Each structure stands twice: as C-alpha cells, then as structure tokens.
Amino acid sequence: MKISYKIAVSTFIFLWIIFLPQKIYGKDITKQELVNYIRQSYEVTDATDEILKALLNENYQGIPYFELVKALMTIDKAYTHIQHQRYGYVVGDITSAVLPFLLMNCGYISIGAAVSSAFRIYDSLEAFNEAVKKKAFNHQVYNYFRYRDEKYSHKDILDPNFLYKTDDGWLFPVDYTEGQPRPLKPEQVYEYARWLYDLKQNPQTFEHDKKAIGEEMRKTIQ
C-alpha cells in the first residue's frame, strides 16, 4: 500500500523548509514518545523499545520514520483539538511541530499550502501563532463551521455580499469584546477554516495513510 506522494510539490516545499529558521520546529518530540505512540496506535507488542527506536532511523520513500510518526502524532492531536473546538491550536501545532512537506506526502496538500501561504504573509511564526490562538480566531472558525454545516459553500462564505457578514467581512455573530484575529484578514481566516473543515470531514484520508505507514513499519522490523 503506497502513500500518496507528490514529488514535484514536496521537493519545492522541502527546499522552502530548508531556508526557514530552525525555530519553527517547536518543541522537540523524543524517540520514546514516538515509540509509545507506535505501540498505542498499532498495538505493537512483538518488538522491544530498542528495535522501535532503531526503526525511527530508517527511511520510507526518502523520509525518516522519525518525521513521519511525528506528523501522525500531530494530526491525531489536531483531530482532538477540532473535536473540542480549539481551532487555533490546530494551526499552531501544525506550523510549529510538523514539516508541511511531510503532511503533503501523507495526503494533506491543503495544510502545506495554508502554512506556506502564512509564511509568505508574516515575518515571524510568533506573530502568526499569536493571531490564530486568539478567541476571536476560534470564534470565526466556529462560525465558518456552522455555516458550512448549514450547506453554504466556501465560495458562498467568501462572497463579499454574503448575507451573514459584517461590513468589514467577519461572519456573524461577532463578539466585539474579543476584538479581531489580526493581523489575519477575513479571507485568510476562512481559508484556514476550510482545510480544518475538510480535515474534520475527511478522516478516512488520514486513516488510510496512517495504516499504510504502519504496514511499512511492520515490514521493516520483521
């Protein structure tokens, strides 16, 4: 079973990543944490910790298992954040803990594109994360999800004449005590909201890739 692999796109993102400051990678994840995740996710009982740690040094299609498993952990965490309506933390985790080109290789092209777009707009990751973790950002993504669930399309919501918008482009209802998720603009917030919504609606893509990675890891350690 193969993971969807976009060579041309991932190569571009790989080169893009190389020239970004190292600080974007965020909190380091230890090999032991990854080993624990492998055991929990794949019910691996027939391999020692030492074998699984050695596995993490191996590559799949040129990508270290260490980075692939880290990506899986982060996406799993993203689903938990979405389930609890902590939308800003999904963006923060994706940008700070996972290489976007790895997510592309796992089928999440839209996530990589959204992260790439963010870095074209902002000078620092800190400013971006500060914006997405504001209550106002979370509130606007919640509004976006609600209108999508009511069968309005992404195109409908981006329409400047959409009925349920303020004069400055934010979706109703707006809690003005929260302020606005600046420096983000409405269309940027709703672009992130779109891939969060798609992530929520299409877990089978992630589950397929997660299963595929697990099968390849089992072949490697046998």
Protein backbone atom coordinates (compact mmCIF):
# COMPACT_ATOMS: atom_id res chain seq x y z
CA MET A 1 0.00 0.00 0.00
CA LYS A 2 1.52 3.33 -1.05
CA ILE A 3 1.25 6.77 0.49
CA SER A 4 0.19 9.50 -1.93
CA TYR A 5 3.48 11.11 -3.00
CA LYS A 6 3.62 14.46 -4.81
CA ILE A 7 7.27 14.61 -5.86
CA ALA A 8 7.32 18.00 -7.57
CA VAL A 9 5.31 19.76 -4.86
CA SER A 10 7.10 18.14 -1.93
CA THR A 11 10.51 18.95 -3.42
CA PHE A 12 9.52 22.60 -3.60
CA ILE A 13 8.30 22.58 -0.01
CA PHE A 14 11.44 20.74 1.09
CA LEU A 15 13.63 23.47 -0.38
CA TRP A 16 11.32 26.07 1.17
CA ILE A 17 11.69 24.43 4.58
CA ILE A 18 15.49 24.40 4.41
CA PHE A 19 15.62 28.18 4.29
CA LEU A 20 13.22 28.74 7.20
CA PRO A 21 14.56 29.50 10.69
CA GLN A 22 15.02 26.39 12.83
CA LYS A 23 12.72 27.84 15.48
CA ILE A 24 9.62 26.84 13.51
CA TYR A 25 10.01 23.22 14.51
CA GLY A 26 8.85 23.97 18.03
CA LYS A 27 9.03 21.56 20.97
CA ASP A 28 11.20 18.52 20.33
CA ILE A 29 9.48 15.14 20.48
CA THR A 30 11.61 12.38 21.98
CA LYS A 31 12.11 8.97 20.44
CA GLN A 32 10.50 7.40 23.49
CA GLU A 33 7.33 9.42 22.92
CA LEU A 34 7.26 8.22 19.31
CA VAL A 35 7.82 4.63 20.43
CA ASN A 36 4.89 4.93 22.85
CA TYR A 37 2.73 6.34 20.04
CA ILE A 38 3.65 3.43 17.74
CA ARG A 39 2.72 0.91 20.44
CA GLN A 40 -0.62 2.59 21.16
CA SER A 41 -1.58 3.22 17.54
CA TYR A 42 -0.52 -0.10 16.03
CA GLU A 43 -0.68 -2.43 19.07
CA VAL A 44 2.94 -3.43 18.60
CA THR A 45 3.84 -5.97 21.27
CA ASP A 46 6.42 -8.12 19.50
CA ALA A 47 9.25 -5.57 19.33
CA THR A 48 11.42 -4.06 22.04
CA ASP A 49 11.81 -0.31 22.55
CA GLU A 50 15.35 -0.60 21.16
CA ILE A 51 14.05 -2.15 17.92
CA LEU A 52 11.41 0.57 17.51
CA LYS A 53 13.95 3.31 18.21
CA ALA A 54 16.22 1.83 15.56
CA LEU A 55 13.23 1.76 13.17
CA LEU A 56 12.82 5.52 13.58
CA ASN A 57 16.25 5.99 11.99
CA GLU A 58 15.13 4.17 8.83
CA ASN A 59 13.58 5.95 5.81
CA TYR A 60 10.39 5.45 3.84
CA GLN A 61 10.49 6.94 0.33
CA GLY A 62 13.38 9.13 1.46
CA ILE A 63 11.62 10.40 4.60
CA PRO A 64 12.76 9.31 8.10
CA TYR A 65 10.16 7.36 10.06
CA PHE A 66 11.01 9.72 12.92
CA GLU A 67 9.44 12.61 10.96
CA LEU A 68 6.53 10.56 9.58
CA VAL A 69 5.48 9.32 13.01
CA LYS A 70 5.84 12.85 14.39
CA ALA A 71 3.47 14.01 11.63
CA LEU A 72 0.96 11.28 12.54
CA MET A 73 1.08 12.29 16.21
CA THR A 74 0.42 15.91 15.34
CA ILE A 75 -2.52 15.15 13.03
CA ASP A 76 -4.04 12.86 15.66
CA LYS A 77 -3.73 15.73 18.12
CA ALA A 78 -5.32 18.04 15.55
CA TYR A 79 -8.44 15.88 15.45
CA THR A 80 -8.69 16.13 19.24
CA HIS A 81 -8.45 19.93 19.07
CA ILE A 82 -11.13 20.08 16.36
CA GLN A 83 -13.41 17.81 18.36
CA HIS A 84 -13.16 20.21 21.31
CA GLN A 85 -13.45 23.32 19.07
CA ARG A 86 -9.91 24.52 19.83
CA TYR A 87 -9.33 25.52 16.22
CA GLY A 88 -6.45 27.93 16.78
CA TYR A 89 -4.35 25.26 18.45
CA VAL A 90 -4.59 23.03 15.38
CA VAL A 91 -2.90 25.69 13.25
CA GLY A 92 -0.30 26.37 15.93
CA ASP A 93 0.61 22.70 16.27
CA ILE A 94 0.81 22.12 12.53
CA THR A 95 3.05 25.12 11.91
CA SER A 96 5.37 24.63 14.85
CA ALA A 97 5.73 20.85 15.16
CA VAL A 98 5.38 19.29 11.69
CA LEU A 99 7.20 19.84 8.43
CA PRO A 100 4.49 20.82 5.93
CA PHE A 101 6.02 18.79 3.12
CA LEU A 102 5.60 15.64 5.24
CA LEU A 103 1.91 16.37 5.57
CA MET A 104 1.72 16.74 1.80
CA ASN A 105 3.25 13.32 1.40
CA CYS A 106 0.62 11.96 3.77
CA GLY A 107 -2.16 13.39 1.62
CA TYR A 108 -2.65 16.75 3.34
CA ILE A 109 -1.72 19.07 0.49
CA SER A 110 -4.08 21.81 1.68
CA ILE A 111 -2.37 22.02 5.08
CA GLY A 112 1.03 22.52 3.47
CA ALA A 113 -0.41 25.15 1.16
CA ALA A 114 -2.02 27.04 4.05
CA VAL A 115 1.19 27.03 6.07
CA SER A 116 3.19 28.18 3.05
CA SER A 117 0.72 31.00 2.49
CA ALA A 118 1.05 32.09 6.10
CA PHE A 119 4.82 32.43 5.88
CA ARG A 120 4.54 34.49 2.73
CA ILE A 121 2.44 36.96 4.69
CA TYR A 122 4.18 37.15 8.06
CA ASP A 123 7.74 37.86 9.12
CA SER A 124 7.64 35.58 12.14
CA LEU A 125 5.90 32.44 13.31
CA GLU A 126 5.25 34.07 16.68
CA ALA A 127 3.00 36.76 15.16
CA PHE A 128 1.08 34.15 13.21
CA ASN A 129 0.57 31.87 16.21
CA GLU A 130 -0.46 34.82 18.34
CA ALA A 131 -3.22 35.63 15.87
CA VAL A 132 -4.61 32.13 15.47
CA LYS A 133 -4.73 31.43 19.19
CA LYS A 134 -6.90 34.45 19.94
CA LYS A 135 -10.51 33.82 20.99
CA ALA A 136 -11.66 35.85 18.00
CA PHE A 137 -9.98 33.43 15.59
CA ASN A 138 -11.61 30.47 17.29
CA HIS A 139 -14.98 32.22 17.21
CA GLN A 140 -14.74 32.96 13.49
CA VAL A 141 -13.73 29.39 12.62
CA TYR A 142 -16.66 28.17 14.72
CA ASN A 143 -18.95 30.45 12.69
CA TYR A 144 -17.45 29.11 9.46
CA PHE A 145 -18.11 25.50 10.52
CA ARG A 146 -21.69 26.40 11.43
CA TYR A 147 -22.45 27.96 8.04
CA ARG A 148 -20.79 25.08 6.20
CA ASP A 149 -22.93 22.64 8.18
CA GLU A 150 -25.93 24.68 7.05
CA LYS A 151 -24.88 23.81 3.46
CA TYR A 152 -23.30 27.12 2.50
CA SER A 153 -20.20 26.55 0.37
CA HIS A 154 -16.74 28.01 0.89
CA LYS A 155 -17.36 30.17 -2.17
CA ASP A 156 -20.61 31.44 -0.63
CA ILE A 157 -18.82 32.46 2.55
CA LEU A 158 -16.03 34.29 0.69
CA ASP A 159 -18.58 36.28 -1.33
CA PRO A 160 -18.38 39.93 -0.17
CA ASN A 161 -22.19 40.05 -0.41
CA PHE A 162 -22.74 37.02 1.81
CA LEU A 163 -25.76 37.89 3.94
CA TYR A 164 -24.28 36.92 7.30
CA LYS A 165 -21.22 39.18 7.33
CA THR A 166 -20.31 42.45 8.97
CA ASP A 167 -19.33 45.44 6.85
CA ASP A 168 -15.65 44.59 7.43
CA GLY A 169 -16.09 40.99 6.30
CA TRP A 170 -16.39 38.93 9.51
CA LEU A 171 -19.06 36.27 9.94
CA PHE A 172 -21.97 36.82 12.31
CA PRO A 173 -22.27 36.61 15.22
CA VAL A 174 -19.29 38.75 16.23
CA ASP A 175 -18.29 39.22 19.86
CA TYR A 176 -16.69 42.65 19.78
CA THR A 177 -15.27 42.16 23.28
CA GLU A 178 -12.86 39.61 21.74
CA GLY A 179 -11.52 42.02 19.14
CA GLN A 180 -10.42 40.68 15.76
CA PRO A 181 -7.83 37.99 14.90
CA ARG A 182 -5.41 40.48 13.40
CA PRO A 183 -3.03 40.54 11.60
CA LEU A 184 -5.13 37.93 9.77
CA LYS A 185 -7.73 39.12 7.28
CA PRO A 186 -11.20 37.50 6.98
CA GLU A 187 -10.35 35.64 3.77
CA GLN A 188 -7.20 34.22 5.38
CA VAL A 189 -9.08 33.01 8.45
CA TYR A 190 -11.69 31.33 6.25
CA GLU A 191 -9.01 29.69 4.12
CA TYR A 192 -7.59 28.06 7.25
CA ALA A 193 -11.14 27.26 8.35
CA ARG A 194 -11.73 25.48 5.05
CA TRP A 195 -8.89 22.99 5.47
CA LEU A 196 -9.80 22.48 9.12
CA TYR A 197 -13.34 21.71 7.99
CA ASP A 198 -12.09 19.37 5.27
CA LEU A 199 -9.82 17.67 7.80
CA LYS A 200 -12.81 17.07 10.05
CA GLN A 201 -15.00 15.82 7.19
CA ASN A 202 -12.41 13.50 5.62
CA PRO A 203 -10.69 11.47 8.35
CA GLN A 204 -10.51 8.46 6.03
CA THR A 205 -7.59 10.02 4.11
CA PHE A 206 -5.53 10.25 7.27
CA GLU A 207 -6.58 6.79 8.47
CA HIS A 208 -5.58 5.31 5.10
CA ASP A 209 -2.12 6.87 5.26
CA LYS A 210 -1.70 6.03 8.92
CA LYS A 211 -2.47 2.38 8.16
CA ALA A 212 -0.09 2.39 5.18
CA ILE A 213 2.77 3.76 7.28
CA GLY A 214 2.06 1.14 9.95
CA GLU A 215 2.22 -1.70 7.41
CA GLU A 216 5.55 -0.44 6.05
CA MET A 217 6.98 -0.18 9.57
CA ARG A 218 5.96 -3.77 10.32
CA LYS A 219 7.70 -4.97 7.15
CA THR A 220 10.86 -3.13 8.20
CA ILE A 221 11.07 -4.65 11.69
CA GLN A 222 10.22 -8.22 10.62
